[in-house]
Amino acid sequence: MSPHRPSLLAAALAFAAALTACGQNHIRTGPARAGSQQAATVPGAGRAAASATTTTAPPPPPDAAGTAEGATSAVPDAAAATRARTRATAFLRAFARTDLDQAAWWNGVAGYFTPAAASIYHYTDVVNVPVHQVVEGSARLAPDTTPYRAQVTVRSDIGTYTVTLIRAGGDWLVDRATPPQ
């Protein structure tokens, strides 16, 4: 056995103890719930870090609606809500233009998308688009709509689409169009 092995082991143990003593007295054990401080203490850390200040758990991550779990979301003002419904309907109307060739169809829908969505939907082949008609005046905001993220349901000839929009400045841009189940 090398004469350096015991000193390496001692150094590793000292390093681990130093990390524990440097305020790392809580480890998250799962997703935090709004208003809770779900944490587990590291064994022995309480003695080593008795003088360390305790921090609260970070806020919970946004859910699919873009709001923190348990938080109430504000709704967009009436004008923004109208623009979201109008934009979702206009997009779905353009998306349903399967009578156009690929280039013309893409030119008709590309301006509605967020940059990320455009990079994904760019690969959509117009012959695979199942919707052909939109029921005008059918757009409704979903309850989880916020001032910056809207979910708009729009009826079509194949059922109800859900169009997810992201507010960028004064415009609503399409992030996703989910066909009926």
Protein backbone atom coordinates (compact mmCIF):
# COMPACT_ATOMS: atom_id res chain seq x y z
CA MET A 1 0.00 0.00 0.00
CA SER A 2 1.28 3.44 -0.91
CA PRO A 3 2.28 5.75 1.94
CA HIS A 4 0.06 8.46 0.37
CA ARG A 5 -3.21 6.46 0.60
CA PRO A 6 -4.00 7.33 4.24
CA SER A 7 -3.38 11.03 3.57
CA LEU A 8 -5.63 10.93 0.47
CA LEU A 9 -8.40 9.33 2.49
CA ALA A 10 -7.97 11.91 5.26
CA ALA A 11 -8.01 14.72 2.68
CA ALA A 12 -11.19 13.36 1.08
CA LEU A 13 -12.89 13.10 4.49
CA ALA A 14 -11.77 16.62 5.41
CA PHE A 15 -13.11 17.92 2.07
CA ALA A 16 -16.48 16.25 2.63
CA ALA A 17 -16.68 17.70 6.14
CA ALA A 18 -15.80 21.16 4.83
CA LEU A 19 -18.56 20.97 2.23
CA THR A 20 -21.04 19.99 4.90
CA ALA A 21 -19.92 22.84 7.14
CA CYS A 22 -20.16 25.46 4.39
CA GLY A 23 -23.87 25.99 4.71
CA GLN A 24 -24.98 22.96 2.77
CA ASN A 25 -27.31 22.00 5.58
CA HIS A 26 -30.42 21.30 3.48
CA ILE A 27 -30.97 19.15 0.44
CA ARG A 28 -34.19 19.23 -1.53
CA THR A 29 -35.78 15.82 -1.62
CA GLY A 30 -38.53 16.47 -4.13
CA PRO A 31 -40.63 19.13 -5.73
CA ALA A 32 -41.54 21.89 -3.30
CA ARG A 33 -45.16 22.82 -2.86
CA ALA A 34 -46.20 26.44 -2.71
CA GLY A 35 -45.85 27.71 0.84
CA SER A 36 -43.86 24.72 2.09
CA GLN A 37 -40.23 24.23 2.86
CA GLN A 38 -39.76 20.58 1.96
CA ALA A 39 -36.15 19.77 2.82
CA ALA A 40 -34.17 17.09 4.57
CA THR A 41 -31.25 17.83 6.80
CA VAL A 42 -27.90 16.27 6.06
CA PRO A 43 -26.91 14.04 9.00
CA GLY A 44 -24.38 15.85 11.18
CA ALA A 45 -24.67 19.08 9.26
CA GLY A 46 -26.67 20.77 12.00
CA ARG A 47 -23.71 20.59 14.42
CA ALA A 48 -21.15 21.66 11.83
CA ALA A 49 -23.23 24.46 10.40
CA ALA A 50 -25.07 25.67 13.49
CA SER A 51 -24.13 29.26 12.74
CA ALA A 52 -25.06 29.08 9.05
CA THR A 53 -28.19 30.94 8.07
CA THR A 54 -31.10 28.83 6.95
CA THR A 55 -32.43 29.59 3.50
CA THR A 56 -35.94 28.95 2.33
CA ALA A 57 -36.66 26.61 -0.51
CA PRO A 58 -36.70 28.24 -3.95
CA PRO A 59 -40.11 28.99 -5.43
CA PRO A 60 -41.73 26.06 -7.19
CA PRO A 61 -41.12 25.74 -10.90
CA PRO A 62 -43.83 26.94 -13.27
CA ASP A 63 -46.40 24.37 -14.25
CA ALA A 64 -47.62 23.76 -17.77
CA ALA A 65 -49.69 26.95 -17.59
CA GLY A 66 -46.61 29.04 -16.76
CA THR A 67 -47.70 29.81 -13.19
CA ALA A 68 -46.23 28.56 -9.95
CA GLU A 69 -48.09 25.62 -8.46
CA GLY A 70 -50.86 26.86 -6.20
CA ALA A 71 -50.57 30.46 -7.41
CA THR A 72 -53.51 32.20 -8.91
CA SER A 73 -52.91 33.55 -12.37
CA ALA A 74 -54.07 36.89 -13.63
CA VAL A 75 -55.98 36.99 -16.88
CA PRO A 76 -55.11 39.25 -19.78
CA ASP A 77 -57.08 42.47 -20.15
CA ALA A 78 -60.12 42.35 -22.44
CA ALA A 79 -58.29 43.79 -25.46
CA ALA A 80 -55.40 41.30 -25.13
CA ALA A 81 -57.85 38.43 -24.70
CA THR A 82 -59.66 39.48 -27.88
CA ARG A 83 -56.35 39.68 -29.76
CA ALA A 84 -55.41 36.18 -28.51
CA ARG A 85 -58.71 34.69 -29.72
CA THR A 86 -58.45 36.52 -33.05
CA ARG A 87 -54.84 35.45 -33.54
CA ALA A 88 -55.56 31.79 -32.72
CA THR A 89 -58.48 31.71 -35.16
CA ALA A 90 -56.51 33.43 -37.93
CA PHE A 91 -53.62 31.02 -37.43
CA LEU A 92 -55.82 27.94 -37.52
CA ARG A 93 -57.58 29.29 -40.62
CA ALA A 94 -54.18 29.66 -42.36
CA PHE A 95 -53.03 26.29 -41.03
CA ALA A 96 -56.15 24.65 -42.52
CA ARG A 97 -55.37 25.93 -46.04
CA THR A 98 -54.36 22.48 -47.26
CA ASP A 99 -55.46 23.44 -50.77
CA LEU A 100 -52.18 25.40 -51.13
CA ASP A 101 -48.83 24.01 -52.24
CA GLN A 102 -46.17 23.54 -49.56
CA ALA A 103 -44.36 26.87 -50.11
CA ALA A 104 -47.55 28.95 -50.19
CA TRP A 105 -48.93 27.16 -47.13
CA TRP A 106 -45.72 27.73 -45.17
CA ASN A 107 -45.63 31.42 -46.16
CA GLY A 108 -49.18 31.71 -44.85
CA VAL A 109 -48.44 30.23 -41.40
CA ALA A 110 -44.79 31.08 -40.71
CA GLY A 111 -45.48 34.61 -39.44
CA TYR A 112 -47.76 33.34 -36.69
CA PHE A 113 -45.12 31.24 -34.89
CA THR A 114 -42.61 31.92 -32.14
CA PRO A 115 -39.08 31.33 -33.48
CA ALA A 116 -38.87 28.00 -31.61
CA ALA A 117 -42.22 26.80 -32.96
CA ALA A 118 -41.34 27.92 -36.50
CA SER A 119 -38.21 25.78 -36.41
CA ILE A 120 -40.34 22.75 -35.50
CA TYR A 121 -43.41 23.34 -37.67
CA HIS A 122 -41.19 24.13 -40.66
CA TYR A 123 -40.99 20.37 -41.21
CA THR A 124 -44.77 19.90 -41.38
CA ASP A 125 -45.94 18.61 -44.74
CA VAL A 126 -49.19 20.29 -45.75
CA VAL A 127 -50.59 16.95 -46.99
CA ASN A 128 -50.44 15.70 -43.38
CA VAL A 129 -52.48 18.58 -41.93
CA PRO A 130 -55.83 17.05 -40.90
CA VAL A 131 -57.87 20.24 -40.41
CA HIS A 132 -59.61 21.90 -43.37
CA GLN A 133 -62.17 24.31 -41.89
CA VAL A 134 -62.46 26.50 -38.82
CA VAL A 135 -65.72 27.31 -37.06
CA GLU A 136 -65.64 31.12 -37.05
CA GLY A 137 -66.47 32.74 -33.73
CA SER A 138 -65.75 29.57 -31.74
CA ALA A 139 -62.49 30.70 -30.10
CA ARG A 140 -62.55 30.59 -26.29
CA LEU A 141 -59.82 31.28 -23.73
CA ALA A 142 -58.98 28.36 -21.47
CA PRO A 143 -59.17 29.04 -17.71
CA ASP A 144 -55.39 28.79 -17.26
CA THR A 145 -54.68 31.74 -19.57
CA THR A 146 -52.37 34.41 -18.17
CA PRO A 147 -51.43 37.86 -19.48
CA TYR A 148 -48.40 36.28 -21.22
CA ARG A 149 -49.53 32.78 -22.16
CA ALA A 150 -52.91 32.00 -23.67
CA GLN A 151 -54.57 28.72 -24.42
CA VAL A 152 -57.34 29.23 -26.94
CA THR A 153 -59.71 26.48 -28.04
CA VAL A 154 -60.98 26.75 -31.61
CA ARG A 155 -63.52 24.37 -33.14
CA SER A 156 -62.81 22.90 -36.56
CA ASP A 157 -64.16 20.27 -38.93
CA ILE A 158 -62.24 17.55 -37.05
CA GLY A 159 -62.89 18.74 -33.49
CA THR A 160 -61.49 21.34 -31.13
CA TYR A 161 -57.89 22.49 -31.48
CA THR A 162 -56.02 24.08 -28.59
CA VAL A 163 -53.72 26.85 -29.77
CA THR A 164 -51.08 27.92 -27.25
CA LEU A 165 -49.91 31.51 -27.71
CA ILE A 166 -47.05 33.42 -26.11
CA ARG A 167 -47.32 37.19 -25.77
CA ALA A 168 -44.34 39.01 -27.23
CA GLY A 169 -44.77 42.75 -26.87
CA GLY A 170 -48.28 43.47 -28.10
CA ASP A 171 -48.43 40.41 -30.38
CA TRP A 172 -49.53 36.88 -29.60
CA LEU A 173 -47.34 34.24 -31.28
CA VAL A 174 -48.29 30.59 -31.72
CA ASP A 175 -46.15 28.22 -29.70
CA ARG A 176 -48.18 25.08 -30.36
CA ALA A 177 -51.35 23.86 -32.02
CA THR A 178 -52.71 20.72 -30.42
CA PRO A 179 -55.24 18.78 -32.51
CA PRO A 180 -58.32 17.15 -30.98
CA GLN A 181 -57.72 13.92 -29.09
